[in-house]
Amino acid sequence: MPTMLEILGTSGTETAPKETTKREMSTEPPYKVILHNDDYTPMEHVIQVLRKVIPRMSMRQAVSIMLEAHTNGKAVATKCHKELAEMYEEALRAEGLIATIEPD
């Protein structure tokens, strides 16, 4: 009686061809997403939006960023690659906050 490997037409000793991949390091600097203070947006809304827009942001982090922006006029919300920073900036602005990005 033939084995399953014989039925499928393969042997158990075949190896997959070797593939080589090269990883390239990005030469682009990380970008900072900067939250700016305004005198109109309620603090609770800022905290809620930060947690909604930036994945895995804890309540403690969001409160800290909001307070820093409130006290100093601006705060770094996160650092990431440029495309993601642009997405976060756009999402924060869409929720009524003032945000910019700049190279780190």
PDB file of N, CA and C in Angstrom:
ATOM      1  N   MET A   1       0.849  -1.172   0.000  1.00  0.00           N
ATOM      2  CA  MET A   1       0.000   0.000   0.000  1.00  0.00           C
ATOM      3  C   MET A   1       0.902   1.245   0.000  1.00  0.00           C
ATOM      4  N   PRO A   2       0.670   2.223  -0.903  1.00  0.00           N
ATOM      5  CA  PRO A   2       1.529   3.409  -0.987  1.00  0.00           C
ATOM      6  C   PRO A   2       1.301   4.347   0.191  1.00  0.00           C
ATOM      7  N   THR A   3       2.380   5.081   0.531  1.00  0.00           N
ATOM      8  CA  THR A   3       2.271   6.065   1.616  1.00  0.00           C
ATOM      9  C   THR A   3       1.648   7.342   1.063  1.00  0.00           C
ATOM     10  N   MET A   4       1.265   8.217   1.965  1.00  0.00           N
ATOM     11  CA  MET A   4       0.660   9.502   1.568  1.00  0.00           C
ATOM     12  C   MET A   4       1.649  10.317   0.738  1.00  0.00           C
ATOM     13  N   LEU A   5       2.949  10.315   1.111  1.00  0.00           N
ATOM     14  CA  LEU A   5       3.954  11.063   0.348  1.00  0.00           C
ATOM     15  C   LEU A   5       4.092  10.522  -1.074  1.00  0.00           C
ATOM     16  N   GLU A   6       4.005   9.206  -1.216  1.00  0.00           N
ATOM     17  CA  GLU A   6       4.090   8.614  -2.554  1.00  0.00           C
ATOM     18  C   GLU A   6       2.859   8.973  -3.381  1.00  0.00           C
ATOM     19  N   ILE A   7       1.704   9.012  -2.758  1.00  0.00           N
ATOM     20  CA  ILE A   7       0.472   9.369  -3.457  1.00  0.00           C
ATOM     21  C   ILE A   7       0.549  10.807  -3.960  1.00  0.00           C
ATOM     22  N   LEU A   8       1.074  11.705  -3.102  1.00  0.00           N
ATOM     23  CA  LEU A   8       1.171  13.113  -3.475  1.00  0.00           C
ATOM     24  C   LEU A   8       2.332  13.379  -4.432  1.00  0.00           C
ATOM     25  N   GLY A   9       3.182  12.375  -4.626  1.00  0.00           N
ATOM     26  CA  GLY A   9       4.278  12.543  -5.569  1.00  0.00           C
ATOM     27  C   GLY A   9       5.462  13.305  -4.985  1.00  0.00           C
ATOM     28  N   THR A  10       5.584  13.319  -3.680  1.00  0.00           N
ATOM     29  CA  THR A  10       6.718  13.986  -3.056  1.00  0.00           C
ATOM     30  C   THR A  10       7.399  13.019  -2.115  1.00  0.00           C
ATOM     31  N   SER A  11       8.637  13.266  -1.887  1.00  0.00           N
ATOM     32  CA  SER A  11       9.353  12.448  -0.917  1.00  0.00           C
ATOM     33  C   SER A  11       9.622  13.290   0.309  1.00  0.00           C
ATOM     34  N   GLY A  12       9.858  12.656   1.403  1.00  0.00           N
ATOM     35  CA  GLY A  12      10.084  13.357   2.648  1.00  0.00           C
ATOM     36  C   GLY A  12      11.452  14.017   2.737  1.00  0.00           C
ATOM     37  N   THR A  13      12.319  13.805   1.741  1.00  0.00           N
ATOM     38  CA  THR A  13      13.679  14.342   1.828  1.00  0.00           C
ATOM     39  C   THR A  13      13.890  15.570   0.970  1.00  0.00           C
ATOM     40  N   GLU A  14      12.866  16.049   0.292  1.00  0.00           N
ATOM     41  CA  GLU A  14      13.027  17.236  -0.541  1.00  0.00           C
ATOM     42  C   GLU A  14      13.203  18.463   0.332  1.00  0.00           C
ATOM     43  N   THR A  15      14.032  19.392  -0.132  1.00  0.00           N
ATOM     44  CA  THR A  15      14.229  20.636   0.608  1.00  0.00           C
ATOM     45  C   THR A  15      13.798  21.803  -0.267  1.00  0.00           C
ATOM     46  N   ALA A  16      13.338  22.812   0.400  1.00  0.00           N
ATOM     47  CA  ALA A  16      12.913  24.012  -0.319  1.00  0.00           C
ATOM     48  C   ALA A  16      14.153  24.762  -0.806  1.00  0.00           C
ATOM     49  N   PRO A  17      14.042  25.446  -1.939  1.00  0.00           N
ATOM     50  CA  PRO A  17      15.190  26.214  -2.415  1.00  0.00           C
ATOM     51  C   PRO A  17      15.535  27.319  -1.426  1.00  0.00           C
ATOM     52  N   LYS A  18      16.828  27.609  -1.346  1.00  0.00           N
ATOM     53  CA  LYS A  18      17.265  28.674  -0.440  1.00  0.00           C
ATOM     54  C   LYS A  18      16.916  30.027  -1.031  1.00  0.00           C
ATOM     55  N   GLU A  19      16.379  30.863  -0.186  1.00  0.00           N
ATOM     56  CA  GLU A  19      16.078  32.236  -0.586  1.00  0.00           C
ATOM     57  C   GLU A  19      16.870  33.156   0.318  1.00  0.00           C
ATOM     58  N   THR A  20      17.457  34.150  -0.284  1.00  0.00           N
ATOM     59  CA  THR A  20      18.166  35.128   0.531  1.00  0.00           C
ATOM     60  C   THR A  20      17.452  36.456   0.403  1.00  0.00           C
ATOM     61  N   THR A  21      17.332  37.114   1.515  1.00  0.00           N
ATOM     62  CA  THR A  21      16.704  38.429   1.514  1.00  0.00           C
ATOM     63  C   THR A  21      17.658  39.406   2.177  1.00  0.00           C
ATOM     64  N   LYS A  22      17.616  40.609   1.704  1.00  0.00           N
ATOM     65  CA  LYS A  22      18.435  41.650   2.296  1.00  0.00           C
ATOM     66  C   LYS A  22      17.526  42.618   3.025  1.00  0.00           C
ATOM     67  N   ARG A  23      17.940  43.001   4.208  1.00  0.00           N
ATOM     68  CA  ARG A  23      17.191  43.994   4.970  1.00  0.00           C
ATOM     69  C   ARG A  23      17.947  45.300   4.879  1.00  0.00           C
ATOM     70  N   GLU A  24      17.246  46.317   4.469  1.00  0.00           N
ATOM     71  CA  GLU A  24      17.867  47.626   4.374  1.00  0.00           C
ATOM     72  C   GLU A  24      17.389  48.490   5.525  1.00  0.00           C
ATOM     73  N   MET A  25      18.318  49.163   6.146  1.00  0.00           N
ATOM     74  CA  MET A  25      17.979  50.075   7.219  1.00  0.00           C
ATOM     75  C   MET A  25      17.515  51.392   6.605  1.00  0.00           C
ATOM     76  N   SER A  26      16.480  51.942   7.170  1.00  0.00           N
ATOM     77  CA  SER A  26      15.980  53.218   6.696  1.00  0.00           C
ATOM     78  C   SER A  26      16.945  54.318   7.105  1.00  0.00           C
ATOM     79  N   THR A  27      17.258  55.196   6.162  1.00  0.00           N
ATOM     80  CA  THR A  27      18.134  56.315   6.490  1.00  0.00           C
ATOM     81  C   THR A  27      17.310  57.537   6.883  1.00  0.00           C
ATOM     82  N   GLU A  28      16.011  57.422   6.771  1.00  0.00           N
ATOM     83  CA  GLU A  28      15.128  58.524   7.133  1.00  0.00           C
ATOM     84  C   GLU A  28      14.995  58.591   8.652  1.00  0.00           C
ATOM     85  N   PRO A  29      15.110  59.794   9.213  1.00  0.00           N
ATOM     86  CA  PRO A  29      15.008  59.895  10.670  1.00  0.00           C
ATOM     87  C   PRO A  29      13.575  59.639  11.125  1.00  0.00           C
ATOM     88  N   PRO A  30      13.409  59.227  12.387  1.00  0.00           N
ATOM     89  CA  PRO A  30      12.040  59.125  12.896  1.00  0.00           C
ATOM     90  C   PRO A  30      11.425  60.521  12.988  1.00  0.00           C
ATOM     91  N   TYR A  31      10.119  60.569  12.964  1.00  0.00           N
ATOM     92  CA  TYR A  31       9.399  61.845  13.045  1.00  0.00           C
ATOM     93  C   TYR A  31       8.664  61.932  14.376  1.00  0.00           C
ATOM     94  N   LYS A  32       8.562  63.143  14.889  1.00  0.00           N
ATOM     95  CA  LYS A  32       7.805  63.401  16.105  1.00  0.00           C
ATOM     96  C   LYS A  32       6.426  63.912  15.707  1.00  0.00           C
ATOM     97  N   VAL A  33       5.402  63.390  16.348  1.00  0.00           N
ATOM     98  CA  VAL A  33       4.053  63.917  16.198  1.00  0.00           C
ATOM     99  C   VAL A  33       3.845  64.837  17.397  1.00  0.00           C
ATOM    100  N   ILE A  34       3.651  66.116  17.117  1.00  0.00           N
ATOM    101  CA  ILE A  34       3.582  67.112  18.179  1.00  0.00           C
ATOM    102  C   ILE A  34       2.150  67.608  18.346  1.00  0.00           C
ATOM    103  N   LEU A  35       1.667  67.513  19.574  1.00  0.00           N
ATOM    104  CA  LEU A  35       0.347  68.014  19.928  1.00  0.00           C
ATOM    105  C   LEU A  35       0.514  69.424  20.470  1.00  0.00           C
ATOM    106  N   HIS A  36      -0.260  70.366  19.939  1.00  0.00           N
ATOM    107  CA  HIS A  36      -0.194  71.761  20.369  1.00  0.00           C
ATOM    108  C   HIS A  36      -1.407  72.090  21.233  1.00  0.00           C
ATOM    109  N   ASN A  37      -1.191  72.936  22.212  1.00  0.00           N
ATOM    110  CA  ASN A  37      -2.268  73.362  23.097  1.00  0.00           C
ATOM    111  C   ASN A  37      -3.176  74.358  22.387  1.00  0.00           C
ATOM    112  N   ASP A  38      -4.433  74.329  22.754  1.00  0.00           N
ATOM    113  CA  ASP A  38      -5.357  75.405  22.376  1.00  0.00           C
ATOM    114  C   ASP A  38      -6.201  75.715  23.611  1.00  0.00           C
ATOM    115  N   ASP A  39      -6.883  76.813  23.587  1.00  0.00           N
ATOM    116  CA  ASP A  39      -7.650  77.230  24.763  1.00  0.00           C
ATOM    117  C   ASP A  39      -9.119  76.842  24.684  1.00  0.00           C
ATOM    118  N   TYR A  40      -9.467  75.983  23.738  1.00  0.00           N
ATOM    119  CA  TYR A  40     -10.870  75.675  23.504  1.00  0.00           C
ATOM    120  C   TYR A  40     -11.238  74.214  23.724  1.00  0.00           C
ATOM    121  N   THR A  41     -10.341  73.301  23.394  1.00  0.00           N
ATOM    122  CA  THR A  41     -10.668  71.880  23.444  1.00  0.00           C
ATOM    123  C   THR A  41     -10.623  71.371  24.884  1.00  0.00           C
ATOM    124  N   PRO A  42     -11.695  70.715  25.344  1.00  0.00           N
ATOM    125  CA  PRO A  42     -11.692  70.159  26.703  1.00  0.00           C
ATOM    126  C   PRO A  42     -10.597  69.091  26.864  1.00  0.00           C
ATOM    127  N   MET A  43      -9.999  69.067  28.032  1.00  0.00           N
ATOM    128  CA  MET A  43      -8.912  68.122  28.314  1.00  0.00           C
ATOM    129  C   MET A  43      -9.352  66.672  28.120  1.00  0.00           C
ATOM    130  N   GLU A  44     -10.571  66.362  28.515  1.00  0.00           N
ATOM    131  CA  GLU A  44     -11.082  64.994  28.379  1.00  0.00           C
ATOM    132  C   GLU A  44     -11.131  64.567  26.919  1.00  0.00           C
ATOM    133  N   HIS A  45     -11.498  65.510  26.043  1.00  0.00           N
ATOM    134  CA  HIS A  45     -11.553  65.213  24.611  1.00  0.00           C
ATOM    135  C   HIS A  45     -10.152  64.925  24.072  1.00  0.00           C
ATOM    136  N   VAL A  46      -9.170  65.706  24.494  1.00  0.00           N
ATOM    137  CA  VAL A  46      -7.789  65.497  24.044  1.00  0.00           C
ATOM    138  C   VAL A  46      -7.323  64.100  24.440  1.00  0.00           C
ATOM    139  N   ILE A  47      -7.577  63.713  25.677  1.00  0.00           N
ATOM    140  CA  ILE A  47      -7.180  62.383  26.155  1.00  0.00           C
ATOM    141  C   ILE A  47      -7.858  61.289  25.342  1.00  0.00           C
ATOM    142  N   GLN A  48      -9.148  61.451  25.125  1.00  0.00           N
ATOM    143  CA  GLN A  48      -9.915  60.455  24.359  1.00  0.00           C
ATOM    144  C   GLN A  48      -9.373  60.320  22.939  1.00  0.00           C
ATOM    145  N   VAL A  49      -9.086  61.446  22.282  1.00  0.00           N
ATOM    146  CA  VAL A  49      -8.602  61.409  20.898  1.00  0.00           C
ATOM    147  C   VAL A  49      -7.210  60.787  20.826  1.00  0.00           C
ATOM    148  N   LEU A  50      -6.324  61.143  21.736  1.00  0.00           N
ATOM    149  CA  LEU A  50      -4.986  60.543  21.742  1.00  0.00           C
ATOM    150  C   LEU A  50      -5.075  59.029  21.837  1.00  0.00           C
ATOM    151  N   ARG A  51      -5.912  58.541  22.720  1.00  0.00           N
ATOM    152  CA  ARG A  51      -6.052  57.083  22.891  1.00  0.00           C
ATOM    153  C   ARG A  51      -6.721  56.429  21.688  1.00  0.00           C
ATOM    154  N   LYS A  52      -7.598  57.148  21.022  1.00  0.00           N
ATOM    155  CA  LYS A  52      -8.283  56.622  19.839  1.00  0.00           C
ATOM    156  C   LYS A  52      -7.348  56.548  18.638  1.00  0.00           C
ATOM    157  N   VAL A  53      -6.538  57.590  18.452  1.00  0.00           N
ATOM    158  CA  VAL A  53      -5.716  57.718  17.244  1.00  0.00           C
ATOM    159  C   VAL A  53      -4.407  56.933  17.325  1.00  0.00           C
ATOM    160  N   ILE A  54      -3.760  56.943  18.482  1.00  0.00           N
ATOM    161  CA  ILE A  54      -2.449  56.301  18.622  1.00  0.00           C
ATOM    162  C   ILE A  54      -2.636  54.962  19.331  1.00  0.00           C
ATOM    163  N   PRO A  55      -2.404  53.874  18.616  1.00  0.00           N
ATOM    164  CA  PRO A  55      -2.636  52.537  19.185  1.00  0.00           C
ATOM    165  C   PRO A  55      -1.814  52.283  20.455  1.00  0.00           C
ATOM    166  N   ARG A  56      -2.395  51.557  21.357  1.00  0.00           N
ATOM    167  CA  ARG A  56      -1.758  51.113  22.598  1.00  0.00           C
ATOM    168  C   ARG A  56      -1.336  52.252  23.533  1.00  0.00           C
ATOM    169  N   MET A  57      -1.914  53.436  23.361  1.00  0.00           N
ATOM    170  CA  MET A  57      -1.603  54.522  24.283  1.00  0.00           C
ATOM    171  C   MET A  57      -2.436  54.328  25.552  1.00  0.00           C
ATOM    172  N   SER A  58      -1.753  54.312  26.679  1.00  0.00           N
ATOM    173  CA  SER A  58      -2.444  54.128  27.949  1.00  0.00           C
ATOM    174  C   SER A  58      -3.086  55.436  28.383  1.00  0.00           C
ATOM    175  N   MET A  59      -3.980  55.321  29.325  1.00  0.00           N
ATOM    176  CA  MET A  59      -4.628  56.502  29.894  1.00  0.00           C
ATOM    177  C   MET A  59      -3.573  57.404  30.536  1.00  0.00           C
ATOM    178  N   ARG A  60      -2.637  56.804  31.254  1.00  0.00           N
ATOM    179  CA  ARG A  60      -1.586  57.567  31.927  1.00  0.00           C
ATOM    180  C   ARG A  60      -0.742  58.351  30.911  1.00  0.00           C
ATOM    181  N   GLN A  61      -0.372  57.710  29.791  1.00  0.00           N
ATOM    182  CA  GLN A  61       0.413  58.396  28.754  1.00  0.00           C
ATOM    183  C   GLN A  61      -0.382  59.556  28.158  1.00  0.00           C
ATOM    184  N   ALA A  62      -1.649  59.312  27.850  1.00  0.00           N
ATOM    185  CA  ALA A  62      -2.486  60.345  27.239  1.00  0.00           C
ATOM    186  C   ALA A  62      -2.649  61.543  28.165  1.00  0.00           C
ATOM    187  N   VAL A  63      -2.857  61.286  29.444  1.00  0.00           N
ATOM    188  CA  VAL A  63      -2.997  62.378  30.413  1.00  0.00           C
ATOM    189  C   VAL A  63      -1.693  63.157  30.507  1.00  0.00           C
ATOM    190  N   SER A  64      -0.569  62.459  30.545  1.00  0.00           N
ATOM    191  CA  SER A  64       0.736  63.107  30.638  1.00  0.00           C
ATOM    192  C   SER A  64       1.009  63.998  29.425  1.00  0.00           C
ATOM    193  N   ILE A  65       0.705  63.504  28.224  1.00  0.00           N
ATOM    194  CA  ILE A  65       0.912  64.279  26.998  1.00  0.00           C
ATOM    195  C   ILE A  65      -0.005  65.492  26.981  1.00  0.00           C
ATOM    196  N   MET A  66      -1.264  65.295  27.366  1.00  0.00           N
ATOM    197  CA  MET A  66      -2.211  66.404  27.400  1.00  0.00           C
ATOM    198  C   MET A  66      -1.752  67.482  28.374  1.00  0.00           C
ATOM    199  N   LEU A  67      -1.306  67.085  29.564  1.00  0.00           N
ATOM    200  CA  LEU A  67      -0.857  68.055  30.568  1.00  0.00           C
ATOM    201  C   LEU A  67       0.401  68.795  30.122  1.00  0.00           C
ATOM    202  N   GLU A  68       1.320  68.078  29.479  1.00  0.00           N
ATOM    203  CA  GLU A  68       2.532  68.731  28.977  1.00  0.00           C
ATOM    204  C   GLU A  68       2.180  69.770  27.912  1.00  0.00           C
ATOM    205  N   ALA A  69       1.284  69.419  26.990  1.00  0.00           N
ATOM    206  CA  ALA A  69       0.865  70.379  25.962  1.00  0.00           C
ATOM    207  C   ALA A  69       0.151  71.562  26.602  1.00  0.00           C
ATOM    208  N   HIS A  70      -0.674  71.301  27.586  1.00  0.00           N
ATOM    209  CA  HIS A  70      -1.419  72.360  28.269  1.00  0.00           C
ATOM    210  C   HIS A  70      -0.467  73.308  29.006  1.00  0.00           C
ATOM    211  N   THR A  71       0.546  72.750  29.642  1.00  0.00           N
ATOM    212  CA  THR A  71       1.488  73.537  30.441  1.00  0.00           C
ATOM    213  C   THR A  71       2.542  74.242  29.592  1.00  0.00           C
ATOM    214  N   ASN A  72       3.114  73.513  28.618  1.00  0.00           N
ATOM    215  CA  ASN A  72       4.255  74.031  27.843  1.00  0.00           C
ATOM    216  C   ASN A  72       3.889  74.523  26.445  1.00  0.00           C
ATOM    217  N   GLY A  73       2.649  74.337  26.038  1.00  0.00           N
ATOM    218  CA  GLY A  73       2.237  74.780  24.717  1.00  0.00           C
ATOM    219  C   GLY A  73       2.300  73.705  23.656  1.00  0.00           C
ATOM    220  N   LYS A  74       3.116  72.673  23.904  1.00  0.00           N
ATOM    221  CA  LYS A  74       3.179  71.542  22.964  1.00  0.00           C
ATOM    222  C   LYS A  74       3.814  70.351  23.656  1.00  0.00           C
ATOM    223  N   ALA A  75       3.574  69.162  23.079  1.00  0.00           N
ATOM    224  CA  ALA A  75       4.122  67.921  23.625  1.00  0.00           C
ATOM    225  C   ALA A  75       4.287  66.911  22.509  1.00  0.00           C
ATOM    226  N   VAL A  76       5.300  66.073  22.619  1.00  0.00           N
ATOM    227  CA  VAL A  76       5.498  64.990  21.650  1.00  0.00           C
ATOM    228  C   VAL A  76       4.539  63.865  22.016  1.00  0.00           C
ATOM    229  N   ALA A  77       3.637  63.561  21.103  1.00  0.00           N
ATOM    230  CA  ALA A  77       2.661  62.499  21.343  1.00  0.00           C
ATOM    231  C   ALA A  77       3.255  61.127  21.062  1.00  0.00           C
ATOM    232  N   THR A  78       4.076  61.036  20.004  1.00  0.00           N
ATOM    233  CA  THR A  78       4.726  59.777  19.651  1.00  0.00           C
ATOM    234  C   THR A  78       5.834  60.050  18.650  1.00  0.00           C
ATOM    235  N   LYS A  79       6.692  59.063  18.444  1.00  0.00           N
ATOM    236  CA  LYS A  79       7.731  59.112  17.415  1.00  0.00           C
ATOM    237  C   LYS A  79       7.582  57.861  16.557  1.00  0.00           C
ATOM    238  N   CYS A  80       7.681  58.054  15.239  1.00  0.00           N
ATOM    239  CA  CYS A  80       7.510  56.932  14.326  1.00  0.00           C
ATOM    240  C   CYS A  80       8.024  57.331  12.943  1.00  0.00           C
ATOM    241  N   HIS A  81       7.901  56.433  11.961  1.00  0.00           N
ATOM    242  CA  HIS A  81       8.352  56.783  10.616  1.00  0.00           C
ATOM    243  C   HIS A  81       7.408  57.808   9.989  1.00  0.00           C
ATOM    244  N   LYS A  82       7.871  58.477   8.962  1.00  0.00           N
ATOM    245  CA  LYS A  82       7.184  59.649   8.411  1.00  0.00           C
ATOM    246  C   LYS A  82       5.745  59.370   7.981  1.00  0.00           C
ATOM    247  N   GLU A  83       5.514  58.280   7.261  1.00  0.00           N
ATOM    248  CA  GLU A  83       4.172  58.004   6.746  1.00  0.00           C
ATOM    249  C   GLU A  83       3.174  57.816   7.889  1.00  0.00           C
ATOM    250  N   LEU A  84       3.595  57.106   8.929  1.00  0.00           N
ATOM    251  CA  LEU A  84       2.717  56.886  10.072  1.00  0.00           C
ATOM    252  C   LEU A  84       2.499  58.195  10.831  1.00  0.00           C
ATOM    253  N   ALA A  85       3.549  59.008  10.951  1.00  0.00           N
ATOM    254  CA  ALA A  85       3.419  60.316  11.614  1.00  0.00           C
ATOM    255  C   ALA A  85       2.421  61.193  10.872  1.00  0.00           C
ATOM    256  N   GLU A  86       2.477  61.165   9.543  1.00  0.00           N
ATOM    257  CA  GLU A  86       1.526  61.950   8.742  1.00  0.00           C
ATOM    258  C   GLU A  86       0.099  61.463   8.971  1.00  0.00           C
ATOM    259  N   MET A  87      -0.067  60.151   9.087  1.00  0.00           N
ATOM    260  CA  MET A  87      -1.398  59.591   9.323  1.00  0.00           C
ATOM    261  C   MET A  87      -1.928  60.024  10.697  1.00  0.00           C
ATOM    262  N   TYR A  88      -1.073  59.954  11.732  1.00  0.00           N
ATOM    263  CA  TYR A  88      -1.485  60.382  13.068  1.00  0.00           C
ATOM    264  C   TYR A  88      -1.822  61.866  13.087  1.00  0.00           C
ATOM    265  N   GLU A  89      -1.001  62.680  12.432  1.00  0.00           N
ATOM    266  CA  GLU A  89      -1.261  64.124  12.378  1.00  0.00           C
ATOM    267  C   GLU A  89      -2.630  64.394  11.763  1.00  0.00           C
ATOM    268  N   GLU A  90      -2.899  63.747  10.654  1.00  0.00           N
ATOM    269  CA  GLU A  90      -4.178  63.942   9.964  1.00  0.00           C
ATOM    270  C   GLU A  90      -5.356  63.496  10.833  1.00  0.00           C
ATOM    271  N   ALA A  91      -5.193  62.363  11.515  1.00  0.00           N
ATOM    272  CA  ALA A  91      -6.270  61.845  12.358  1.00  0.00           C
ATOM    273  C   ALA A  91      -6.515  62.756  13.565  1.00  0.00           C
ATOM    274  N   LEU A  92      -5.447  63.283  14.163  1.00  0.00           N
ATOM    275  CA  LEU A  92      -5.609  64.211  15.289  1.00  0.00           C
ATOM    276  C   LEU A  92      -6.316  65.481  14.841  1.00  0.00           C
ATOM    277  N   ARG A  93      -5.927  65.993  13.679  1.00  0.00           N
ATOM    278  CA  ARG A  93      -6.564  67.200  13.142  1.00  0.00           C
ATOM    279  C   ARG A  93      -8.036  66.956  12.810  1.00  0.00           C
ATOM    280  N   ALA A  94      -8.335  65.777  12.293  1.00  0.00           N
ATOM    281  CA  ALA A  94      -9.721  65.442  11.947  1.00  0.00           C
ATOM    282  C   ALA A  94     -10.613  65.422  13.188  1.00  0.00           C
ATOM    283  N   GLU A  95      -9.997  65.209  14.348  1.00  0.00           N
ATOM    284  CA  GLU A  95     -10.747  65.193  15.618  1.00  0.00           C
ATOM    285  C   GLU A  95     -10.728  66.559  16.299  1.00  0.00           C
ATOM    286  N   GLY A  96     -10.206  67.574  15.612  1.00  0.00           N
ATOM    287  CA  GLY A  96     -10.259  68.934  16.152  1.00  0.00           C
ATOM    288  C   GLY A  96      -9.039  69.389  16.927  1.00  0.00           C
ATOM    289  N   LEU A  97      -7.989  68.560  16.965  1.00  0.00           N
ATOM    290  CA  LEU A  97      -6.780  68.954  17.692  1.00  0.00           C
ATOM    291  C   LEU A  97      -5.777  69.619  16.739  1.00  0.00           C
ATOM    292  N   ILE A  98      -4.827  70.342  17.314  1.00  0.00           N
ATOM    293  CA  ILE A  98      -3.771  70.952  16.531  1.00  0.00           C
ATOM    294  C   ILE A  98      -2.540  70.066  16.652  1.00  0.00           C
ATOM    295  N   ALA A  99      -2.049  69.577  15.526  1.00  0.00           N
ATOM    296  CA  ALA A  99      -0.899  68.673  15.518  1.00  0.00           C
ATOM    297  C   ALA A  99      -0.003  68.996  14.332  1.00  0.00           C
ATOM    298  N   THR A 100       1.282  68.771  14.525  1.00  0.00           N
ATOM    299  CA  THR A 100       2.263  68.914  13.457  1.00  0.00           C
ATOM    300  C   THR A 100       3.235  67.744  13.567  1.00  0.00           C
ATOM    301  N   ILE A 101       4.067  67.590  12.527  1.00  0.00           N
ATOM    302  CA  ILE A 101       5.137  66.593  12.592  1.00  0.00           C
ATOM    303  C   ILE A 101       6.448  67.300  12.242  1.00  0.00           C
ATOM    304  N   GLU A 102       7.547  66.708  12.738  1.00  0.00           N
ATOM    305  CA  GLU A 102       8.873  67.210  12.397  1.00  0.00           C
ATOM    306  C   GLU A 102       9.879  66.093  12.608  1.00  0.00           C
ATOM    307  N   PRO A 103      10.993  66.116  11.857  1.00  0.00           N
ATOM    308  CA  PRO A 103      12.019  65.085  12.060  1.00  0.00           C
ATOM    309  C   PRO A 103      12.558  65.141  13.479  1.00  0.00           C
ATOM    310  N   ASP A 104      12.910  63.992  13.987  1.00  0.00           N
ATOM    311  CA  ASP A 104      13.450  63.914  15.345  1.00  0.00           C
ATOM    312  C   ASP A 104      14.918  64.334  15.353  1.00  0.00           C
TER     313      ASP A 104
END
